[in-house]
Amino acid sequence: MTDVYRDHAEAARGELLALRRERQVIDAQIASIERELGSKREVRGLVARCVAVGVPAAILVACGWWSSSRGFICRIPRYHVAWRGAEAVQQAGELWVGTSSCEGEPPCPSVERLVQAKMLDPNKANDPWGRPYRLACEEGADRVWAYSLGSDGLAHTADDIASDMPRQNLNAVAERSR
């Protein structure tokens, strides 16, 4: 019995020595790479940067490939773009109401007037369907809100999008319009 144990022990020692030699070879390769690239921190930083840049880039490429194969591109839905655009127009309208106390100026500006007064970027004057946003003002309260007529272009319909619309309502509008 002792010969069997001795044989197993010698075999285990041989395997252990082989593993140690492999470990030394691997450690030497790692040291060589570290010398070429710098310290371990630099290597880890390089890996982290590659992951931080590479993964989002791969996602964007995959998204672009997936969407282009289906005839559309990755983009924010028009209803969300219209909602954000209406918020920008509302802010310009509020600026107008707060600063235009001149006589002869209308109490509630049009989008065109905001663009002329350089209070609104001309690129933000139209909704995603190509129609100008509209403004509504509450007299005496300095309350302004902007809205888009939505995809149908008709006022006072279920797809109109207002700057003060809660997000849940916006999602409901988008769902109804699909």
N, C-alpha and C. Protein backbone atom coordinates (compact mmCIF):
# COMPACT_ATOMS: atom_id res chain seq x y z
N MET A 1 0.81 -1.20 0.00
CA MET A 1 0.00 0.00 0.00
C MET A 1 0.85 1.26 0.00
N THR A 2 1.92 1.19 0.73
CA THR A 2 2.74 2.37 0.80
C THR A 2 3.37 2.70 -0.54
N ASP A 3 3.63 1.68 -1.35
CA ASP A 3 4.19 1.93 -2.67
C ASP A 3 3.17 2.67 -3.55
N VAL A 4 1.89 2.33 -3.42
CA VAL A 4 0.85 3.00 -4.20
C VAL A 4 0.76 4.46 -3.78
N TYR A 5 0.78 4.71 -2.48
CA TYR A 5 0.72 6.10 -2.01
C TYR A 5 1.95 6.88 -2.45
N ARG A 6 3.10 6.20 -2.38
CA ARG A 6 4.33 6.85 -2.77
C ARG A 6 4.28 7.21 -4.26
N ASP A 7 3.76 6.31 -5.09
CA ASP A 7 3.64 6.58 -6.52
C ASP A 7 2.70 7.77 -6.78
N HIS A 8 1.60 7.79 -6.06
CA HIS A 8 0.64 8.91 -6.21
C HIS A 8 1.27 10.23 -5.76
N ALA A 9 2.02 10.18 -4.67
CA ALA A 9 2.67 11.39 -4.15
C ALA A 9 3.71 11.90 -5.14
N GLU A 10 4.48 10.98 -5.73
CA GLU A 10 5.47 11.40 -6.71
C GLU A 10 4.80 11.98 -7.96
N ALA A 11 3.71 11.37 -8.37
CA ALA A 11 2.98 11.89 -9.55
C ALA A 11 2.42 13.28 -9.26
N ALA A 12 1.91 13.46 -8.03
CA ALA A 12 1.36 14.77 -7.65
C ALA A 12 2.45 15.82 -7.61
N ARG A 13 3.65 15.43 -7.06
CA ARG A 13 4.78 16.37 -7.03
C ARG A 13 5.20 16.75 -8.44
N GLY A 14 5.22 15.79 -9.34
CA GLY A 14 5.58 16.06 -10.73
C GLY A 14 4.59 17.02 -11.39
N GLU A 15 3.29 16.80 -11.12
CA GLU A 15 2.27 17.69 -11.69
C GLU A 15 2.42 19.09 -11.10
N LEU A 16 2.70 19.15 -9.79
CA LEU A 16 2.87 20.44 -9.13
C LEU A 16 4.06 21.19 -9.73
N LEU A 17 5.16 20.50 -9.96
CA LEU A 17 6.32 21.15 -10.56
C LEU A 17 6.02 21.62 -11.98
N ALA A 18 5.27 20.83 -12.74
CA ALA A 18 4.89 21.23 -14.11
C ALA A 18 4.00 22.48 -14.06
N LEU A 19 3.07 22.52 -13.13
CA LEU A 19 2.20 23.70 -12.99
C LEU A 19 3.00 24.94 -12.59
N ARG A 20 3.97 24.76 -11.70
CA ARG A 20 4.81 25.89 -11.29
C ARG A 20 5.61 26.43 -12.48
N ARG A 21 6.14 25.50 -13.32
CA ARG A 21 6.87 25.95 -14.50
C ARG A 21 5.95 26.71 -15.46
N GLU A 22 4.74 26.20 -15.66
CA GLU A 22 3.77 26.91 -16.52
C GLU A 22 3.45 28.28 -15.95
N ARG A 23 3.30 28.34 -14.63
CA ARG A 23 3.00 29.62 -13.98
C ARG A 23 4.15 30.59 -14.20
N GLN A 24 5.39 30.12 -14.11
CA GLN A 24 6.55 30.99 -14.34
C GLN A 24 6.57 31.52 -15.78
N VAL A 25 6.22 30.65 -16.72
CA VAL A 25 6.17 31.08 -18.12
C VAL A 25 5.10 32.16 -18.30
N ILE A 26 3.93 31.93 -17.72
CA ILE A 26 2.82 32.92 -17.83
C ILE A 26 3.21 34.22 -17.15
N ASP A 27 3.81 34.13 -15.95
CA ASP A 27 4.24 35.35 -15.25
C ASP A 27 5.27 36.12 -16.07
N ALA A 28 6.16 35.41 -16.74
CA ALA A 28 7.16 36.06 -17.58
C ALA A 28 6.49 36.78 -18.76
N GLN A 29 5.48 36.13 -19.34
CA GLN A 29 4.75 36.77 -20.45
C GLN A 29 4.02 38.02 -19.96
N ILE A 30 3.39 37.95 -18.80
CA ILE A 30 2.69 39.10 -18.24
C ILE A 30 3.68 40.23 -17.96
N ALA A 31 4.82 39.89 -17.39
CA ALA A 31 5.84 40.91 -17.10
C ALA A 31 6.32 41.56 -18.39
N SER A 32 6.47 40.76 -19.43
CA SER A 32 6.90 41.31 -20.72
C SER A 32 5.86 42.29 -21.27
N ILE A 33 4.60 41.93 -21.18
CA ILE A 33 3.52 42.81 -21.65
C ILE A 33 3.49 44.08 -20.82
N GLU A 34 3.64 43.94 -19.50
CA GLU A 34 3.63 45.12 -18.63
C GLU A 34 4.80 46.04 -18.95
N ARG A 35 5.96 45.47 -19.25
CA ARG A 35 7.10 46.31 -19.61
C ARG A 35 6.83 47.07 -20.90
N GLU A 36 6.17 46.40 -21.85
CA GLU A 36 5.86 47.06 -23.12
C GLU A 36 4.82 48.15 -22.95
N LEU A 37 3.82 47.90 -22.14
CA LEU A 37 2.71 48.85 -22.02
C LEU A 37 2.79 49.73 -20.78
N GLY A 38 3.66 49.45 -19.87
CA GLY A 38 3.75 50.26 -18.66
C GLY A 38 3.33 49.44 -17.46
N SER A 39 2.96 50.14 -16.42
CA SER A 39 2.61 49.46 -15.17
C SER A 39 1.26 48.75 -15.28
N LYS A 40 0.93 47.97 -14.27
CA LYS A 40 -0.34 47.26 -14.24
C LYS A 40 -1.51 48.25 -14.27
N ARG A 41 -1.33 49.37 -13.61
CA ARG A 41 -2.39 50.38 -13.61
C ARG A 41 -2.67 50.88 -15.01
N GLU A 42 -1.59 51.11 -15.77
CA GLU A 42 -1.76 51.58 -17.14
C GLU A 42 -2.45 50.52 -17.99
N VAL A 43 -2.08 49.25 -17.77
CA VAL A 43 -2.72 48.16 -18.51
C VAL A 43 -4.19 48.11 -18.15
N ARG A 44 -4.49 48.17 -16.85
CA ARG A 44 -5.89 48.15 -16.42
C ARG A 44 -6.64 49.36 -16.96
N GLY A 45 -5.98 50.53 -16.93
CA GLY A 45 -6.60 51.74 -17.47
C GLY A 45 -6.88 51.62 -18.95
N LEU A 46 -5.92 51.02 -19.67
CA LEU A 46 -6.11 50.80 -21.10
C LEU A 46 -7.29 49.87 -21.35
N VAL A 47 -7.36 48.80 -20.58
CA VAL A 47 -8.49 47.87 -20.72
C VAL A 47 -9.79 48.58 -20.39
N ALA A 48 -9.79 49.35 -19.30
CA ALA A 48 -11.01 50.06 -18.91
C ALA A 48 -11.44 51.05 -20.00
N ARG A 49 -10.46 51.77 -20.59
CA ARG A 49 -10.81 52.71 -21.65
C ARG A 49 -11.34 51.98 -22.87
N CYS A 50 -10.73 50.86 -23.21
CA CYS A 50 -11.20 50.09 -24.36
C CYS A 50 -12.63 49.62 -24.14
N VAL A 51 -12.91 49.17 -22.93
CA VAL A 51 -14.27 48.71 -22.62
C VAL A 51 -15.23 49.89 -22.61
N ALA A 52 -14.82 51.01 -22.00
CA ALA A 52 -15.70 52.18 -21.90
C ALA A 52 -16.04 52.75 -23.26
N VAL A 53 -15.12 52.69 -24.20
CA VAL A 53 -15.37 53.21 -25.54
C VAL A 53 -15.91 52.13 -26.46
N GLY A 54 -15.36 50.95 -26.35
CA GLY A 54 -15.70 49.88 -27.28
C GLY A 54 -17.12 49.37 -27.13
N VAL A 55 -17.57 49.17 -25.91
CA VAL A 55 -18.91 48.62 -25.70
C VAL A 55 -19.99 49.57 -26.22
N PRO A 56 -19.99 50.87 -25.82
CA PRO A 56 -21.01 51.76 -26.39
C PRO A 56 -20.91 51.87 -27.91
N ALA A 57 -19.68 51.88 -28.44
CA ALA A 57 -19.53 51.95 -29.89
C ALA A 57 -20.13 50.72 -30.55
N ALA A 58 -19.89 49.56 -29.96
CA ALA A 58 -20.46 48.32 -30.52
C ALA A 58 -21.98 48.35 -30.46
N ILE A 59 -22.52 48.89 -29.39
CA ILE A 59 -23.98 49.00 -29.27
C ILE A 59 -24.52 49.93 -30.35
N LEU A 60 -23.87 51.07 -30.55
CA LEU A 60 -24.32 52.00 -31.58
C LEU A 60 -24.24 51.38 -32.97
N VAL A 61 -23.16 50.67 -33.23
CA VAL A 61 -23.03 50.02 -34.54
C VAL A 61 -24.12 48.97 -34.71
N ALA A 62 -24.36 48.18 -33.67
CA ALA A 62 -25.40 47.15 -33.75
C ALA A 62 -26.77 47.78 -33.94
N CYS A 63 -27.02 48.87 -33.22
CA CYS A 63 -28.29 49.57 -33.34
C CYS A 63 -28.47 50.11 -34.75
N GLY A 64 -27.40 50.70 -35.28
CA GLY A 64 -27.46 51.22 -36.65
C GLY A 64 -27.68 50.12 -37.66
N TRP A 65 -26.98 48.99 -37.49
CA TRP A 65 -27.16 47.87 -38.42
C TRP A 65 -28.57 47.32 -38.32
N TRP A 66 -29.04 47.12 -37.08
CA TRP A 66 -30.36 46.54 -36.87
C TRP A 66 -31.44 47.44 -37.46
N SER A 67 -31.33 48.74 -37.20
CA SER A 67 -32.38 49.65 -37.67
C SER A 67 -32.29 49.88 -39.16
N SER A 68 -31.07 49.94 -39.72
CA SER A 68 -30.97 50.19 -41.16
C SER A 68 -31.46 48.98 -41.94
N SER A 69 -31.34 47.81 -41.38
CA SER A 69 -31.84 46.62 -42.06
C SER A 69 -33.37 46.59 -42.05
N ARG A 70 -33.99 47.42 -41.22
CA ARG A 70 -35.44 47.47 -41.14
C ARG A 70 -36.01 48.77 -41.70
N GLY A 71 -35.16 49.59 -42.29
CA GLY A 71 -35.62 50.80 -42.96
C GLY A 71 -35.80 52.01 -42.07
N PHE A 72 -35.27 52.01 -40.85
CA PHE A 72 -35.34 53.20 -40.02
C PHE A 72 -34.05 53.31 -39.23
N ILE A 73 -33.82 54.47 -38.64
CA ILE A 73 -32.61 54.65 -37.86
C ILE A 73 -32.99 54.79 -36.39
N CYS A 74 -32.02 54.59 -35.52
CA CYS A 74 -32.27 54.76 -34.09
C CYS A 74 -32.51 56.25 -33.84
N ARG A 75 -33.62 56.56 -33.29
CA ARG A 75 -33.92 57.96 -33.04
C ARG A 75 -34.95 58.06 -31.92
N ILE A 76 -35.05 59.25 -31.40
CA ILE A 76 -36.05 59.52 -30.38
C ILE A 76 -37.40 59.65 -31.09
N PRO A 77 -38.46 59.07 -30.52
CA PRO A 77 -39.76 59.18 -31.18
C PRO A 77 -40.18 60.64 -31.37
N ARG A 78 -40.89 60.90 -32.44
CA ARG A 78 -41.31 62.27 -32.76
C ARG A 78 -42.07 62.94 -31.64
N TYR A 79 -42.89 62.17 -30.92
CA TYR A 79 -43.68 62.78 -29.84
C TYR A 79 -42.79 63.32 -28.73
N HIS A 80 -41.71 62.61 -28.44
CA HIS A 80 -40.77 63.11 -27.41
C HIS A 80 -40.00 64.31 -27.92
N VAL A 81 -39.63 64.31 -29.19
CA VAL A 81 -38.94 65.46 -29.79
C VAL A 81 -39.87 66.68 -29.75
N ALA A 82 -41.14 66.46 -30.09
CA ALA A 82 -42.12 67.55 -30.08
C ALA A 82 -42.31 68.10 -28.67
N TRP A 83 -42.34 67.23 -27.70
CA TRP A 83 -42.52 67.64 -26.30
C TRP A 83 -41.33 68.48 -25.84
N ARG A 84 -40.12 68.02 -26.14
CA ARG A 84 -38.93 68.79 -25.77
C ARG A 84 -38.87 70.12 -26.53
N GLY A 85 -39.26 70.10 -27.79
CA GLY A 85 -39.29 71.33 -28.57
C GLY A 85 -40.29 72.32 -28.01
N ALA A 86 -41.44 71.81 -27.61
CA ALA A 86 -42.46 72.69 -27.01
C ALA A 86 -41.95 73.31 -25.72
N GLU A 87 -41.18 72.56 -24.96
CA GLU A 87 -40.60 73.11 -23.73
C GLU A 87 -39.64 74.26 -24.05
N ALA A 88 -38.83 74.12 -25.11
CA ALA A 88 -37.90 75.18 -25.50
C ALA A 88 -38.66 76.42 -25.95
N VAL A 89 -39.73 76.24 -26.71
CA VAL A 89 -40.54 77.37 -27.17
C VAL A 89 -41.22 78.03 -25.97
N GLN A 90 -41.69 77.22 -25.02
CA GLN A 90 -42.32 77.77 -23.81
C GLN A 90 -41.33 78.65 -23.06
N GLN A 91 -40.10 78.19 -22.90
CA GLN A 91 -39.10 78.98 -22.19
C GLN A 91 -38.83 80.30 -22.90
N ALA A 92 -38.77 80.29 -24.22
CA ALA A 92 -38.58 81.53 -24.98
C ALA A 92 -39.78 82.44 -24.79
N GLY A 93 -40.98 81.86 -24.78
CA GLY A 93 -42.20 82.66 -24.56
C GLY A 93 -42.22 83.29 -23.17
N GLU A 94 -41.79 82.53 -22.18
CA GLU A 94 -41.74 83.07 -20.82
C GLU A 94 -40.72 84.21 -20.72
N LEU A 95 -39.60 84.06 -21.42
CA LEU A 95 -38.60 85.13 -21.47
C LEU A 95 -39.20 86.38 -22.10
N TRP A 96 -39.96 86.21 -23.18
CA TRP A 96 -40.62 87.31 -23.86
C TRP A 96 -41.57 88.03 -22.90
N VAL A 97 -42.43 87.27 -22.26
CA VAL A 97 -43.43 87.86 -21.35
C VAL A 97 -42.73 88.57 -20.20
N GLY A 98 -41.63 88.00 -19.71
CA GLY A 98 -40.93 88.60 -18.58
C GLY A 98 -40.13 89.84 -18.93
N THR A 99 -39.76 90.00 -20.20
CA THR A 99 -38.90 91.13 -20.57
C THR A 99 -39.55 92.14 -21.48
N SER A 100 -40.68 91.82 -22.08
CA SER A 100 -41.28 92.75 -23.03
C SER A 100 -42.44 93.50 -22.38
N SER A 101 -42.08 94.51 -21.66
CA SER A 101 -43.11 95.35 -21.04
C SER A 101 -43.33 96.62 -21.85
N CYS A 102 -42.83 96.62 -23.08
CA CYS A 102 -42.99 97.78 -23.95
C CYS A 102 -44.43 97.89 -24.42
N GLU A 103 -44.89 99.09 -24.53
CA GLU A 103 -46.23 99.29 -25.06
C GLU A 103 -46.23 98.97 -26.54
N GLY A 104 -47.30 98.45 -27.01
CA GLY A 104 -47.43 98.12 -28.41
C GLY A 104 -47.02 96.70 -28.73
N GLU A 105 -46.32 96.04 -27.83
CA GLU A 105 -45.94 94.64 -28.05
C GLU A 105 -47.11 93.76 -27.61
N PRO A 106 -47.39 92.71 -28.36
CA PRO A 106 -48.49 91.83 -27.96
C PRO A 106 -48.13 91.10 -26.67
N PRO A 107 -49.11 90.86 -25.80
CA PRO A 107 -48.82 90.20 -24.53
C PRO A 107 -48.38 88.75 -24.72
N CYS A 108 -48.83 88.12 -25.81
CA CYS A 108 -48.45 86.74 -26.08
C CYS A 108 -47.81 86.68 -27.47
N PRO A 109 -46.54 86.36 -27.54
CA PRO A 109 -45.86 86.41 -28.84
C PRO A 109 -46.20 85.20 -29.71
N SER A 110 -45.90 85.33 -30.96
CA SER A 110 -45.97 84.18 -31.86
C SER A 110 -44.57 83.58 -31.93
N VAL A 111 -44.48 82.37 -32.43
CA VAL A 111 -43.17 81.73 -32.59
C VAL A 111 -42.33 82.55 -33.56
N GLU A 112 -42.96 83.07 -34.60
CA GLU A 112 -42.25 83.90 -35.58
C GLU A 112 -41.65 85.13 -34.91
N ARG A 113 -42.41 85.75 -34.02
CA ARG A 113 -41.92 86.95 -33.31
C ARG A 113 -40.75 86.60 -32.38
N LEU A 114 -40.80 85.43 -31.75
CA LEU A 114 -39.70 84.99 -30.88
C LEU A 114 -38.42 84.79 -31.70
N VAL A 115 -38.57 84.25 -32.90
CA VAL A 115 -37.41 84.05 -33.77
C VAL A 115 -36.86 85.40 -34.21
N GLN A 116 -37.74 86.33 -34.60
CA GLN A 116 -37.30 87.66 -35.02
C GLN A 116 -36.57 88.39 -33.90
N ALA A 117 -37.05 88.21 -32.67
CA ALA A 117 -36.43 88.86 -31.52
C ALA A 117 -35.18 88.11 -31.03
N LYS A 118 -34.82 87.04 -31.74
CA LYS A 118 -33.65 86.22 -31.40
C LYS A 118 -33.75 85.60 -30.01
N MET A 119 -34.96 85.33 -29.60
CA MET A 119 -35.17 84.64 -28.33
C MET A 119 -35.36 83.14 -28.55
N LEU A 120 -35.51 82.75 -29.82
CA LEU A 120 -35.69 81.34 -30.16
C LEU A 120 -34.89 81.04 -31.42
N ASP A 121 -34.17 79.95 -31.36
CA ASP A 121 -33.39 79.49 -32.52
C ASP A 121 -34.37 79.11 -33.63
N PRO A 122 -34.17 79.59 -34.85
CA PRO A 122 -35.08 79.26 -35.96
C PRO A 122 -35.20 77.76 -36.20
N ASN A 123 -34.16 77.00 -35.86
CA ASN A 123 -34.21 75.55 -36.03
C ASN A 123 -35.14 74.87 -35.04
N LYS A 124 -35.56 75.59 -34.00
CA LYS A 124 -36.45 75.02 -32.99
C LYS A 124 -37.87 75.54 -33.11
N ALA A 125 -38.16 76.26 -34.17
CA ALA A 125 -39.47 76.88 -34.32
C ALA A 125 -40.54 75.91 -34.81
N ASN A 126 -40.14 74.83 -35.47
CA ASN A 126 -41.10 73.89 -36.03
C ASN A 126 -41.06 72.56 -35.29
N ASP A 127 -42.21 71.91 -35.23
CA ASP A 127 -42.29 70.59 -34.61
C ASP A 127 -41.74 69.53 -35.57
N PRO A 128 -41.62 68.29 -35.15
CA PRO A 128 -41.05 67.25 -36.02
C PRO A 128 -41.85 66.99 -37.31
N TRP A 129 -43.07 67.48 -37.38
CA TRP A 129 -43.89 67.31 -38.59
C TRP A 129 -43.78 68.52 -39.51
N GLY A 130 -42.92 69.48 -39.15
CA GLY A 130 -42.65 70.63 -40.00
C GLY A 130 -43.58 71.81 -39.82
N ARG A 131 -44.45 71.75 -38.83
CA ARG A 131 -45.36 72.87 -38.57
C ARG A 131 -44.87 73.69 -37.38
N PRO A 132 -45.09 75.01 -37.42
CA PRO A 132 -44.62 75.83 -36.29
C PRO A 132 -45.36 75.47 -35.00
N TYR A 133 -44.62 75.53 -33.90
CA TYR A 133 -45.26 75.38 -32.60
C TYR A 133 -46.22 76.55 -32.40
N ARG A 134 -47.14 76.38 -31.52
CA ARG A 134 -48.07 77.46 -31.17
C ARG A 134 -47.90 77.81 -29.71
N LEU A 135 -48.18 79.07 -29.41
CA LEU A 135 -48.08 79.55 -28.04
C LEU A 135 -49.45 79.97 -27.54
N ALA A 136 -49.67 79.74 -26.26
CA ALA A 136 -50.88 80.22 -25.60
C ALA A 136 -50.43 80.90 -24.30
N CYS A 137 -51.08 82.01 -23.99
CA CYS A 137 -50.71 82.76 -22.79
C CYS A 137 -51.96 82.98 -21.94
N GLU A 138 -51.75 82.94 -20.65
CA GLU A 138 -52.82 83.24 -19.71
C GLU A 138 -52.62 84.69 -19.28
N GLU A 139 -53.57 85.53 -19.62
CA GLU A 139 -53.42 86.96 -19.35
C GLU A 139 -53.33 87.24 -17.86
N GLY A 140 -52.43 88.15 -17.52
CA GLY A 140 -52.29 88.61 -16.15
C GLY A 140 -51.50 87.66 -15.26
N ALA A 141 -51.31 86.42 -15.68
CA ALA A 141 -50.62 85.46 -14.83
C ALA A 141 -49.20 85.18 -15.31
N ASP A 142 -48.83 85.78 -16.41
CA ASP A 142 -47.53 85.53 -17.01
C ASP A 142 -47.30 84.03 -17.25
N ARG A 143 -48.36 83.32 -17.51
CA ARG A 143 -48.29 81.88 -17.78
C ARG A 143 -48.26 81.66 -19.29
N VAL A 144 -47.27 80.94 -19.76
CA VAL A 144 -47.11 80.66 -21.18
C VAL A 144 -46.93 79.16 -21.36
N TRP A 145 -47.52 78.61 -22.36
CA TRP A 145 -47.23 77.24 -22.74
C TRP A 145 -47.24 77.12 -24.25
N ALA A 146 -46.49 76.17 -24.72
CA ALA A 146 -46.38 75.94 -26.16
C ALA A 146 -46.95 74.57 -26.46
N TYR A 147 -47.38 74.39 -27.70
CA TYR A 147 -47.91 73.09 -28.08
C TYR A 147 -47.71 72.83 -29.56
N SER A 148 -47.72 71.55 -29.88
CA SER A 148 -47.64 71.08 -31.26
C SER A 148 -48.99 70.48 -31.62
N LEU A 149 -49.36 70.60 -32.88
CA LEU A 149 -50.63 70.03 -33.32
C LEU A 149 -50.54 68.52 -33.56
N GLY A 150 -49.37 67.96 -33.33
CA GLY A 150 -49.22 66.52 -33.48
C GLY A 150 -49.16 66.09 -34.93
N SER A 151 -49.26 64.79 -35.14
CA SER A 151 -49.09 64.24 -36.49
C SER A 151 -50.25 64.60 -37.42
N ASP A 152 -51.46 64.79 -36.88
CA ASP A 152 -52.59 65.08 -37.78
C ASP A 152 -52.69 66.56 -38.16
N GLY A 153 -51.97 67.44 -37.45
CA GLY A 153 -51.97 68.86 -37.80
C GLY A 153 -53.25 69.59 -37.43
N LEU A 154 -54.13 68.95 -36.68
CA LEU A 154 -55.40 69.57 -36.30
C LEU A 154 -55.37 69.96 -34.83
N ALA A 155 -55.95 71.13 -34.54
CA ALA A 155 -55.98 71.62 -33.16
C ALA A 155 -57.04 70.88 -32.35
N HIS A 156 -56.78 70.75 -31.07
CA HIS A 156 -57.71 70.18 -30.08
C HIS A 156 -58.06 68.73 -30.40
N THR A 157 -57.06 67.96 -30.81
CA THR A 157 -57.26 66.53 -31.02
C THR A 157 -56.38 65.76 -30.04
N ALA A 158 -56.58 64.47 -29.97
CA ALA A 158 -55.90 63.64 -28.96
C ALA A 158 -54.40 63.57 -29.14
N ASP A 159 -53.89 63.92 -30.33
CA ASP A 159 -52.45 63.81 -30.52
C ASP A 159 -51.70 65.13 -30.33
N ASP A 160 -52.36 66.17 -29.86
CA ASP A 160 -51.68 67.44 -29.58
C ASP A 160 -50.72 67.24 -28.40
N ILE A 161 -49.59 67.92 -28.47
CA ILE A 161 -48.54 67.77 -27.46
C ILE A 161 -48.25 69.13 -26.86
N ALA A 162 -48.46 69.25 -25.56
CA ALA A 162 -48.24 70.52 -24.87
C ALA A 162 -46.96 70.46 -24.04
N SER A 163 -46.34 71.62 -23.85
CA SER A 163 -45.09 71.70 -23.10
C SER A 163 -45.27 71.31 -21.64
N ASP A 164 -46.46 71.49 -21.10
CA ASP A 164 -46.69 71.17 -19.69
C ASP A 164 -47.35 69.80 -19.51
N MET A 165 -47.33 69.00 -20.54
CA MET A 165 -47.96 67.67 -20.51
C MET A 165 -47.12 66.70 -19.67
N PRO A 166 -47.74 65.98 -18.75
CA PRO A 166 -46.98 64.96 -17.99
C PRO A 166 -46.50 63.85 -18.93
N ARG A 167 -45.40 63.25 -18.57
CA ARG A 167 -44.80 62.21 -19.42
C ARG A 167 -45.76 61.05 -19.68
N GLN A 168 -46.57 60.67 -18.68
CA GLN A 168 -47.51 59.56 -18.88
C GLN A 168 -48.50 59.90 -20.00
N ASN A 169 -48.96 61.14 -20.03
CA ASN A 169 -49.89 61.56 -21.09
C ASN A 169 -49.20 61.52 -22.45
N LEU A 170 -47.95 61.92 -22.48
CA LEU A 170 -47.20 61.90 -23.73
C LEU A 170 -47.09 60.47 -24.25
N ASN A 171 -46.78 59.53 -23.35
CA ASN A 171 -46.68 58.14 -23.77
C ASN A 171 -48.03 57.62 -24.26
N ALA A 172 -49.11 58.05 -23.64
CA ALA A 172 -50.45 57.64 -24.09
C ALA A 172 -50.75 58.20 -25.48
N VAL A 173 -50.35 59.45 -25.73
CA VAL A 173 -50.55 60.05 -27.06
C VAL A 173 -49.78 59.24 -28.10
N ALA A 174 -48.56 58.90 -27.78
CA ALA A 174 -47.72 58.14 -28.71
C ALA A 174 -48.35 56.77 -28.99
N GLU A 175 -48.89 56.12 -27.96
CA GLU A 175 -49.50 54.81 -28.14
C GLU A 175 -50.76 54.90 -29.00
N ARG A 176 -51.57 55.92 -28.77
CA ARG A 176 -52.82 56.07 -29.56
C ARG A 176 -52.54 56.35 -31.03
N SER A 177 -51.41 56.96 -31.30
CA SER A 177 -51.09 57.38 -32.67
C SER A 177 -50.38 56.32 -33.49
N ARG A 178 -50.12 55.19 -32.90
CA ARG A 178 -49.38 54.14 -33.65
C ARG A 178 -50.29 53.41 -34.59
